[in-house]
Amino acid sequence: MAEAKSVLKELVVLEGFVGEETYHKLLLPLLLKLLQDKEAVNLTRLLIEKIIQDEAYHEEAVKKIIV
């Protein structure tokens, strides 16, 4: 679990370079390669799926405001 926390902290830098919209698309495949502990991968998958849902909601909200 400590490894998962370490990886997530380091990936925060990645978001700064690629932006929020692309970050979640890159994050899950990268984590699946880096993390070998099944429990950590499953927890991380749940977290990323929540992030993706939140991003979809924000994208729709922005579209409604713009249109």
N, C-alpha and C. Protein backbone atom coordinates (compact mmCIF):
# COMPACT_ATOMS: atom_id res chain seq x y z
N MET A 1 0.81 -1.18 0.00
CA MET A 1 0.00 0.00 0.00
C MET A 1 0.87 1.26 0.00
N ALA A 2 2.00 1.19 0.66
CA ALA A 2 2.91 2.33 0.67
C ALA A 2 3.40 2.63 -0.74
N GLU A 3 3.61 1.56 -1.53
CA GLU A 3 4.04 1.75 -2.91
C GLU A 3 2.98 2.50 -3.70
N ALA A 4 1.71 2.17 -3.50
CA ALA A 4 0.62 2.84 -4.20
C ALA A 4 0.60 4.33 -3.86
N LYS A 5 0.76 4.66 -2.59
CA LYS A 5 0.78 6.06 -2.18
C LYS A 5 1.95 6.80 -2.83
N SER A 6 3.09 6.15 -2.85
CA SER A 6 4.28 6.76 -3.45
C SER A 6 4.07 7.04 -4.93
N VAL A 7 3.53 6.07 -5.64
CA VAL A 7 3.28 6.23 -7.08
C VAL A 7 2.28 7.35 -7.32
N LEU A 8 1.20 7.38 -6.55
CA LEU A 8 0.19 8.42 -6.73
C LEU A 8 0.77 9.82 -6.48
N LYS A 9 1.61 9.95 -5.47
CA LYS A 9 2.22 11.25 -5.18
C LYS A 9 3.10 11.70 -6.34
N GLU A 10 3.87 10.78 -6.90
CA GLU A 10 4.75 11.13 -8.01
C GLU A 10 3.96 11.47 -9.26
N LEU A 11 2.81 10.87 -9.44
CA LEU A 11 2.02 11.12 -10.64
C LEU A 11 1.30 12.46 -10.62
N VAL A 12 1.26 13.11 -9.48
CA VAL A 12 0.68 14.45 -9.40
C VAL A 12 1.44 15.39 -10.33
N VAL A 13 2.75 15.20 -10.43
CA VAL A 13 3.57 16.01 -11.33
C VAL A 13 3.12 15.81 -12.77
N LEU A 14 2.77 14.60 -13.13
CA LEU A 14 2.32 14.29 -14.49
C LEU A 14 1.10 15.13 -14.86
N GLU A 15 0.17 15.28 -13.94
CA GLU A 15 -1.03 16.06 -14.23
C GLU A 15 -0.67 17.50 -14.58
N GLY A 16 0.32 18.04 -13.93
CA GLY A 16 0.75 19.41 -14.23
C GLY A 16 1.25 19.58 -15.65
N PHE A 17 1.84 18.54 -16.20
CA PHE A 17 2.37 18.62 -17.56
C PHE A 17 1.32 18.36 -18.63
N VAL A 18 0.44 17.41 -18.40
CA VAL A 18 -0.49 17.02 -19.46
C VAL A 18 -1.89 17.59 -19.28
N GLY A 19 -2.20 18.12 -18.12
CA GLY A 19 -3.52 18.67 -17.88
C GLY A 19 -4.49 17.62 -17.37
N GLU A 20 -5.52 18.11 -16.72
CA GLU A 20 -6.50 17.22 -16.09
C GLU A 20 -7.18 16.27 -17.07
N GLU A 21 -7.52 16.79 -18.24
CA GLU A 21 -8.30 15.99 -19.19
C GLU A 21 -7.56 14.75 -19.67
N THR A 22 -6.27 14.87 -19.87
CA THR A 22 -5.46 13.76 -20.37
C THR A 22 -4.94 12.89 -19.24
N TYR A 23 -4.76 13.46 -18.10
CA TYR A 23 -4.14 12.78 -16.95
C TYR A 23 -4.82 11.46 -16.63
N HIS A 24 -6.14 11.48 -16.51
CA HIS A 24 -6.83 10.25 -16.11
C HIS A 24 -6.73 9.17 -17.17
N LYS A 25 -6.55 9.55 -18.43
CA LYS A 25 -6.40 8.56 -19.50
C LYS A 25 -5.03 7.88 -19.46
N LEU A 26 -4.06 8.59 -18.95
CA LEU A 26 -2.71 8.04 -18.84
C LEU A 26 -2.48 7.31 -17.52
N LEU A 27 -3.17 7.75 -16.49
CA LEU A 27 -2.88 7.29 -15.14
C LEU A 27 -3.18 5.81 -14.92
N LEU A 28 -4.35 5.36 -15.29
CA LEU A 28 -4.72 3.97 -15.00
C LEU A 28 -3.79 2.96 -15.67
N PRO A 29 -3.52 3.07 -16.98
CA PRO A 29 -2.59 2.11 -17.58
C PRO A 29 -1.21 2.14 -16.94
N LEU A 30 -0.75 3.32 -16.60
CA LEU A 30 0.56 3.44 -15.96
C LEU A 30 0.57 2.76 -14.61
N LEU A 31 -0.46 2.98 -13.82
CA LEU A 31 -0.53 2.35 -12.50
C LEU A 31 -0.62 0.84 -12.61
N LEU A 32 -1.36 0.35 -13.57
CA LEU A 32 -1.49 -1.10 -13.72
C LEU A 32 -0.14 -1.74 -14.04
N LYS A 33 0.73 -1.01 -14.73
CA LYS A 33 2.06 -1.52 -15.03
C LYS A 33 2.98 -1.42 -13.81
N LEU A 34 2.85 -0.33 -13.06
CA LEU A 34 3.76 -0.09 -11.94
C LEU A 34 3.42 -0.89 -10.69
N LEU A 35 2.16 -1.09 -10.45
CA LEU A 35 1.73 -1.74 -9.21
C LEU A 35 1.51 -3.23 -9.44
N GLN A 36 2.10 -4.03 -8.62
CA GLN A 36 1.96 -5.47 -8.75
C GLN A 36 1.02 -6.05 -7.70
N ASP A 37 0.81 -5.33 -6.61
CA ASP A 37 -0.06 -5.79 -5.53
C ASP A 37 -1.51 -5.65 -5.96
N LYS A 38 -2.22 -6.77 -6.04
CA LYS A 38 -3.60 -6.76 -6.55
C LYS A 38 -4.50 -5.84 -5.74
N GLU A 39 -4.35 -5.84 -4.42
CA GLU A 39 -5.18 -4.98 -3.57
C GLU A 39 -4.94 -3.51 -3.88
N ALA A 40 -3.69 -3.14 -4.05
CA ALA A 40 -3.35 -1.75 -4.36
C ALA A 40 -3.89 -1.36 -5.73
N VAL A 41 -3.79 -2.27 -6.69
CA VAL A 41 -4.30 -1.99 -8.03
C VAL A 41 -5.81 -1.82 -7.99
N ASN A 42 -6.51 -2.67 -7.27
CA ASN A 42 -7.97 -2.56 -7.19
C ASN A 42 -8.39 -1.25 -6.54
N LEU A 43 -7.73 -0.87 -5.47
CA LEU A 43 -8.04 0.40 -4.81
C LEU A 43 -7.76 1.57 -5.75
N THR A 44 -6.63 1.51 -6.42
CA THR A 44 -6.27 2.58 -7.35
C THR A 44 -7.27 2.66 -8.49
N ARG A 45 -7.70 1.52 -8.99
CA ARG A 45 -8.69 1.50 -10.07
C ARG A 45 -9.98 2.20 -9.62
N LEU A 46 -10.42 1.92 -8.41
CA LEU A 46 -11.63 2.57 -7.89
C LEU A 46 -11.45 4.09 -7.81
N LEU A 47 -10.29 4.51 -7.33
CA LEU A 47 -10.03 5.95 -7.23
C LEU A 47 -10.02 6.61 -8.60
N ILE A 48 -9.38 5.97 -9.56
CA ILE A 48 -9.29 6.55 -10.90
C ILE A 48 -10.66 6.56 -11.57
N GLU A 49 -11.45 5.52 -11.37
CA GLU A 49 -12.79 5.51 -11.94
C GLU A 49 -13.62 6.66 -11.39
N LYS A 50 -13.45 6.98 -10.11
CA LYS A 50 -14.15 8.12 -9.51
C LYS A 50 -13.68 9.42 -10.13
N ILE A 51 -12.39 9.54 -10.35
CA ILE A 51 -11.84 10.74 -11.00
C ILE A 51 -12.43 10.89 -12.39
N ILE A 52 -12.51 9.79 -13.13
CA ILE A 52 -13.06 9.84 -14.49
C ILE A 52 -14.52 10.29 -14.45
N GLN A 53 -15.29 9.77 -13.52
CA GLN A 53 -16.69 10.19 -13.38
C GLN A 53 -16.77 11.68 -13.08
N ASP A 54 -15.94 12.15 -12.17
CA ASP A 54 -15.94 13.58 -11.82
C ASP A 54 -15.57 14.43 -13.03
N GLU A 55 -14.59 14.00 -13.79
CA GLU A 55 -14.17 14.75 -14.97
C GLU A 55 -15.29 14.81 -16.01
N ALA A 56 -15.99 13.70 -16.20
CA ALA A 56 -17.10 13.68 -17.15
C ALA A 56 -18.19 14.66 -16.71
N TYR A 57 -18.47 14.69 -15.42
CA TYR A 57 -19.47 15.62 -14.88
C TYR A 57 -19.04 17.06 -15.14
N HIS A 58 -17.78 17.38 -14.86
CA HIS A 58 -17.29 18.74 -15.06
C HIS A 58 -17.32 19.12 -16.53
N GLU A 59 -16.96 18.19 -17.40
CA GLU A 59 -16.99 18.46 -18.83
C GLU A 59 -18.40 18.79 -19.30
N GLU A 60 -19.38 18.02 -18.85
CA GLU A 60 -20.77 18.27 -19.21
C GLU A 60 -21.25 19.61 -18.66
N ALA A 61 -20.87 19.93 -17.45
CA ALA A 61 -21.27 21.21 -16.85
C ALA A 61 -20.72 22.38 -17.65
N VAL A 62 -19.47 22.29 -18.06
CA VAL A 62 -18.86 23.35 -18.86
C VAL A 62 -19.56 23.47 -20.20
N LYS A 63 -19.87 22.35 -20.84
CA LYS A 63 -20.57 22.38 -22.13
C LYS A 63 -21.92 23.08 -22.00
N LYS A 64 -22.64 22.81 -20.91
CA LYS A 64 -23.95 23.43 -20.70
C LYS A 64 -23.82 24.93 -20.50
N ILE A 65 -22.78 25.35 -19.84
CA ILE A 65 -22.57 26.78 -19.61
C ILE A 65 -22.21 27.48 -20.91
N ILE A 66 -21.37 26.85 -21.71
CA ILE A 66 -20.91 27.45 -22.96
C ILE A 66 -22.03 27.55 -23.98
N VAL A 67 -22.87 26.53 -24.05
CA VAL A 67 -23.94 26.49 -25.06
C VAL A 67 -25.08 27.30 -24.64
